Amino acid sequence: MNIHVSNLTPDVTSEDLKKLFAAHGEVESVTILTEKMNDGCRTGPSRGMGFVAMPGTAGAQAAIAALNKHEFHGRSMTVQKARPERLSRHRR
């Protein structure tokens, strides 16, 4: 299941999110979205959101329930099941 995570601070890394979500189940991948720079590369600052992919529904649902509105690095994260159009829109 793909999970959308938002309201992240710029200093949160993929590894930070992986460790946080791994407490609830296996994590396949973590992607933090960044701004496009003038050269078209996605190497700019964090956009404050990302996606976590977890293979099992039970672990993903447990992570969503436990981590939605959870304070992480000083901010209350929003954690929810990713809608398919969000995934495709951000992975162009």
N, C-alpha and C. Protein backbone atom coordinates (compact mmCIF):
# COMPACT_ATOMS: atom_id res chain seq x y z
N MET A 1 0.85 -1.17 0.00
CA MET A 1 0.00 0.00 0.00
C MET A 1 0.90 1.24 0.00
N ASN A 2 0.51 2.23 -0.77
CA ASN A 2 1.24 3.49 -0.81
C ASN A 2 0.60 4.48 0.15
N ILE A 3 1.46 5.15 0.90
CA ILE A 3 1.02 6.07 1.94
C ILE A 3 1.57 7.47 1.62
N HIS A 4 0.70 8.45 1.70
CA HIS A 4 1.11 9.84 1.49
C HIS A 4 1.39 10.47 2.85
N VAL A 5 2.54 11.10 2.97
CA VAL A 5 2.95 11.74 4.22
C VAL A 5 3.21 13.22 3.92
N SER A 6 2.60 14.11 4.69
CA SER A 6 2.82 15.54 4.45
C SER A 6 3.06 16.29 5.75
N ASN A 7 3.42 17.56 5.60
CA ASN A 7 3.79 18.45 6.69
C ASN A 7 5.11 18.01 7.34
N LEU A 8 6.05 17.62 6.49
CA LEU A 8 7.38 17.22 6.96
C LEU A 8 8.29 18.44 7.01
N THR A 9 9.21 18.46 7.94
CA THR A 9 10.21 19.53 7.97
C THR A 9 11.25 19.25 6.88
N PRO A 10 11.93 20.29 6.41
CA PRO A 10 12.92 20.11 5.35
C PRO A 10 14.08 19.18 5.72
N ASP A 11 14.32 19.00 7.02
CA ASP A 11 15.46 18.17 7.42
C ASP A 11 15.13 16.67 7.52
N VAL A 12 13.87 16.28 7.32
CA VAL A 12 13.51 14.86 7.39
C VAL A 12 14.07 14.15 6.15
N THR A 13 14.75 13.02 6.39
CA THR A 13 15.33 12.24 5.31
C THR A 13 14.50 10.99 5.03
N SER A 14 14.78 10.37 3.92
CA SER A 14 14.12 9.10 3.59
C SER A 14 14.40 8.06 4.66
N GLU A 15 15.61 8.05 5.16
CA GLU A 15 16.00 7.09 6.19
C GLU A 15 15.22 7.34 7.48
N ASP A 16 15.00 8.61 7.83
CA ASP A 16 14.19 8.94 9.01
C ASP A 16 12.79 8.34 8.90
N LEU A 17 12.15 8.54 7.74
CA LEU A 17 10.80 8.02 7.54
C LEU A 17 10.79 6.50 7.52
N LYS A 18 11.80 5.91 6.90
CA LYS A 18 11.86 4.45 6.85
C LYS A 18 11.92 3.86 8.26
N LYS A 19 12.75 4.43 9.11
CA LYS A 19 12.85 3.93 10.49
C LYS A 19 11.54 4.11 11.24
N LEU A 20 10.89 5.25 11.05
CA LEU A 20 9.63 5.53 11.74
C LEU A 20 8.54 4.54 11.32
N PHE A 21 8.40 4.30 10.02
CA PHE A 21 7.36 3.41 9.52
C PHE A 21 7.70 1.94 9.73
N ALA A 22 8.97 1.60 9.78
CA ALA A 22 9.38 0.21 9.97
C ALA A 22 8.92 -0.37 11.30
N ALA A 23 8.63 0.48 12.26
CA ALA A 23 8.11 0.01 13.55
C ALA A 23 6.72 -0.62 13.39
N HIS A 24 6.08 -0.41 12.23
CA HIS A 24 4.73 -0.91 12.00
C HIS A 24 4.67 -1.99 10.93
N GLY A 25 5.79 -2.28 10.29
CA GLY A 25 5.83 -3.31 9.26
C GLY A 25 6.95 -3.05 8.27
N GLU A 26 7.04 -3.94 7.31
CA GLU A 26 8.09 -3.83 6.29
C GLU A 26 7.87 -2.61 5.41
N VAL A 27 8.95 -1.90 5.11
CA VAL A 27 8.90 -0.73 4.23
C VAL A 27 9.63 -1.07 2.94
N GLU A 28 8.93 -0.97 1.81
CA GLU A 28 9.54 -1.26 0.51
C GLU A 28 10.36 -0.07 0.01
N SER A 29 9.79 1.12 0.12
CA SER A 29 10.50 2.30 -0.38
C SER A 29 9.95 3.56 0.27
N VAL A 30 10.78 4.59 0.24
CA VAL A 30 10.40 5.91 0.75
C VAL A 30 10.88 6.94 -0.27
N THR A 31 10.00 7.86 -0.62
CA THR A 31 10.34 8.94 -1.54
C THR A 31 9.94 10.26 -0.92
N ILE A 32 10.89 11.16 -0.79
CA ILE A 32 10.57 12.52 -0.33
C ILE A 32 10.64 13.41 -1.56
N LEU A 33 9.57 14.16 -1.80
CA LEU A 33 9.50 15.01 -2.98
C LEU A 33 10.32 16.27 -2.77
N THR A 34 11.00 16.67 -3.83
CA THR A 34 11.82 17.88 -3.79
C THR A 34 11.41 18.79 -4.95
N GLU A 35 11.74 20.05 -4.81
CA GLU A 35 11.44 21.03 -5.85
C GLU A 35 12.35 20.82 -7.05
N LYS A 36 11.82 21.10 -8.23
CA LYS A 36 12.65 21.06 -9.44
C LYS A 36 13.50 22.32 -9.49
N MET A 37 14.72 22.14 -9.85
CA MET A 37 15.60 23.30 -10.02
C MET A 37 15.50 23.77 -11.47
N ASN A 38 16.14 24.87 -11.82
CA ASN A 38 16.07 25.43 -13.16
C ASN A 38 16.56 24.47 -14.24
N ASP A 39 17.46 23.56 -13.88
CA ASP A 39 17.98 22.62 -14.88
C ASP A 39 17.05 21.41 -15.06
N GLY A 40 15.90 21.39 -14.36
CA GLY A 40 14.93 20.31 -14.50
C GLY A 40 15.17 19.13 -13.57
N CYS A 41 16.27 19.12 -12.85
CA CYS A 41 16.55 18.02 -11.93
C CYS A 41 15.77 18.22 -10.63
N ARG A 42 15.36 17.13 -10.00
CA ARG A 42 14.67 17.22 -8.70
C ARG A 42 15.71 17.14 -7.59
N THR A 43 16.50 18.17 -7.49
CA THR A 43 17.53 18.19 -6.45
C THR A 43 17.40 19.39 -5.54
N GLY A 44 16.28 20.07 -5.62
CA GLY A 44 16.06 21.25 -4.80
C GLY A 44 15.63 20.89 -3.39
N PRO A 45 15.15 21.88 -2.67
CA PRO A 45 14.72 21.64 -1.28
C PRO A 45 13.48 20.76 -1.21
N SER A 46 13.29 20.16 -0.07
CA SER A 46 12.14 19.29 0.18
C SER A 46 10.83 20.06 0.02
N ARG A 47 9.82 19.40 -0.53
CA ARG A 47 8.49 20.00 -0.66
C ARG A 47 7.65 19.73 0.59
N GLY A 48 8.23 19.02 1.57
CA GLY A 48 7.52 18.78 2.82
C GLY A 48 6.53 17.62 2.75
N MET A 49 6.69 16.79 1.73
CA MET A 49 5.80 15.64 1.60
C MET A 49 6.53 14.50 0.90
N GLY A 50 5.94 13.31 1.04
CA GLY A 50 6.54 12.16 0.40
C GLY A 50 5.60 10.97 0.42
N PHE A 51 6.15 9.84 -0.01
CA PHE A 51 5.39 8.60 -0.08
C PHE A 51 6.18 7.48 0.56
N VAL A 52 5.47 6.60 1.26
CA VAL A 52 6.05 5.41 1.85
C VAL A 52 5.28 4.23 1.27
N ALA A 53 5.99 3.24 0.73
CA ALA A 53 5.35 2.03 0.20
C ALA A 53 5.59 0.89 1.17
N MET A 54 4.49 0.27 1.58
CA MET A 54 4.55 -0.89 2.48
C MET A 54 3.81 -2.03 1.80
N PRO A 55 4.39 -3.25 1.79
CA PRO A 55 3.78 -4.35 1.04
C PRO A 55 2.47 -4.87 1.63
N GLY A 56 2.31 -4.84 2.91
CA GLY A 56 1.10 -5.40 3.53
C GLY A 56 0.11 -4.33 3.92
N THR A 57 -1.16 -4.64 3.77
CA THR A 57 -2.19 -3.68 4.16
C THR A 57 -2.26 -3.50 5.66
N ALA A 58 -2.10 -4.59 6.41
CA ALA A 58 -2.22 -4.51 7.87
C ALA A 58 -1.17 -3.58 8.46
N GLY A 59 0.07 -3.74 8.05
CA GLY A 59 1.14 -2.88 8.55
C GLY A 59 0.95 -1.43 8.13
N ALA A 60 0.51 -1.24 6.89
CA ALA A 60 0.28 0.12 6.38
C ALA A 60 -0.85 0.80 7.14
N GLN A 61 -1.94 0.07 7.37
CA GLN A 61 -3.06 0.65 8.10
C GLN A 61 -2.67 0.94 9.55
N ALA A 62 -1.86 0.07 10.14
CA ALA A 62 -1.38 0.32 11.51
C ALA A 62 -0.50 1.57 11.54
N ALA A 63 0.34 1.74 10.54
CA ALA A 63 1.21 2.92 10.47
C ALA A 63 0.38 4.19 10.32
N ILE A 64 -0.63 4.15 9.45
CA ILE A 64 -1.49 5.32 9.25
C ILE A 64 -2.19 5.68 10.56
N ALA A 65 -2.76 4.68 11.22
CA ALA A 65 -3.48 4.94 12.48
C ALA A 65 -2.55 5.50 13.55
N ALA A 66 -1.34 4.97 13.63
CA ALA A 66 -0.42 5.39 14.68
C ALA A 66 0.28 6.71 14.39
N LEU A 67 0.53 7.00 13.10
CA LEU A 67 1.38 8.15 12.77
C LEU A 67 0.64 9.38 12.27
N ASN A 68 -0.63 9.26 11.91
CA ASN A 68 -1.36 10.44 11.49
C ASN A 68 -1.49 11.40 12.67
N LYS A 69 -1.12 12.63 12.45
CA LYS A 69 -1.09 13.70 13.48
C LYS A 69 0.01 13.48 14.52
N HIS A 70 0.92 12.55 14.25
CA HIS A 70 2.06 12.28 15.13
C HIS A 70 3.10 13.40 14.94
N GLU A 71 3.62 13.91 16.03
CA GLU A 71 4.64 14.94 15.93
C GLU A 71 5.99 14.31 15.61
N PHE A 72 6.60 14.78 14.53
CA PHE A 72 7.87 14.25 14.06
C PHE A 72 8.74 15.42 13.64
N HIS A 73 9.88 15.55 14.25
CA HIS A 73 10.80 16.68 14.01
C HIS A 73 10.10 18.02 14.24
N GLY A 74 9.21 18.05 15.23
CA GLY A 74 8.58 19.30 15.61
C GLY A 74 7.32 19.67 14.85
N ARG A 75 6.86 18.79 13.95
CA ARG A 75 5.63 19.08 13.20
C ARG A 75 4.68 17.90 13.28
N SER A 76 3.40 18.21 13.22
CA SER A 76 2.37 17.17 13.22
C SER A 76 2.17 16.69 11.78
N MET A 77 2.58 15.45 11.51
CA MET A 77 2.48 14.90 10.15
C MET A 77 1.03 14.55 9.82
N THR A 78 0.71 14.60 8.54
CA THR A 78 -0.54 14.05 8.04
C THR A 78 -0.16 12.79 7.28
N VAL A 79 -0.75 11.66 7.68
CA VAL A 79 -0.43 10.36 7.08
C VAL A 79 -1.73 9.73 6.63
N GLN A 80 -1.81 9.40 5.34
CA GLN A 80 -3.03 8.80 4.80
C GLN A 80 -2.72 7.92 3.60
N LYS A 81 -3.67 7.07 3.26
CA LYS A 81 -3.51 6.23 2.08
C LYS A 81 -3.39 7.14 0.87
N ALA A 82 -2.39 6.87 0.02
CA ALA A 82 -2.18 7.70 -1.16
C ALA A 82 -3.25 7.42 -2.20
N ARG A 83 -3.77 8.47 -2.79
CA ARG A 83 -4.70 8.32 -3.90
C ARG A 83 -3.88 8.09 -5.17
N PRO A 84 -4.33 7.25 -6.08
CA PRO A 84 -3.56 6.94 -7.29
C PRO A 84 -3.15 8.18 -8.09
N GLU A 85 -4.03 9.17 -8.19
CA GLU A 85 -3.67 10.36 -8.98
C GLU A 85 -2.56 11.16 -8.32
N ARG A 86 -2.44 11.11 -6.99
CA ARG A 86 -1.33 11.79 -6.31
C ARG A 86 -0.01 11.16 -6.69
N LEU A 87 0.04 9.85 -6.73
CA LEU A 87 1.27 9.15 -7.07
C LEU A 87 1.72 9.49 -8.47
N SER A 88 0.83 9.37 -9.44
CA SER A 88 1.24 9.61 -10.81
C SER A 88 1.60 11.07 -11.06
N ARG A 89 0.90 11.99 -10.42
CA ARG A 89 1.16 13.41 -10.61
C ARG A 89 2.55 13.78 -10.10
N HIS A 90 3.00 13.18 -8.99
CA HIS A 90 4.26 13.54 -8.40
C HIS A 90 5.45 12.77 -8.95
N ARG A 91 5.21 11.72 -9.69
CA ARG A 91 6.32 10.88 -10.18
C ARG A 91 6.59 11.11 -11.65
N ARG A 92 6.20 12.22 -12.19
CA ARG A 92 6.47 12.52 -13.61
C ARG A 92 7.91 12.82 -13.82
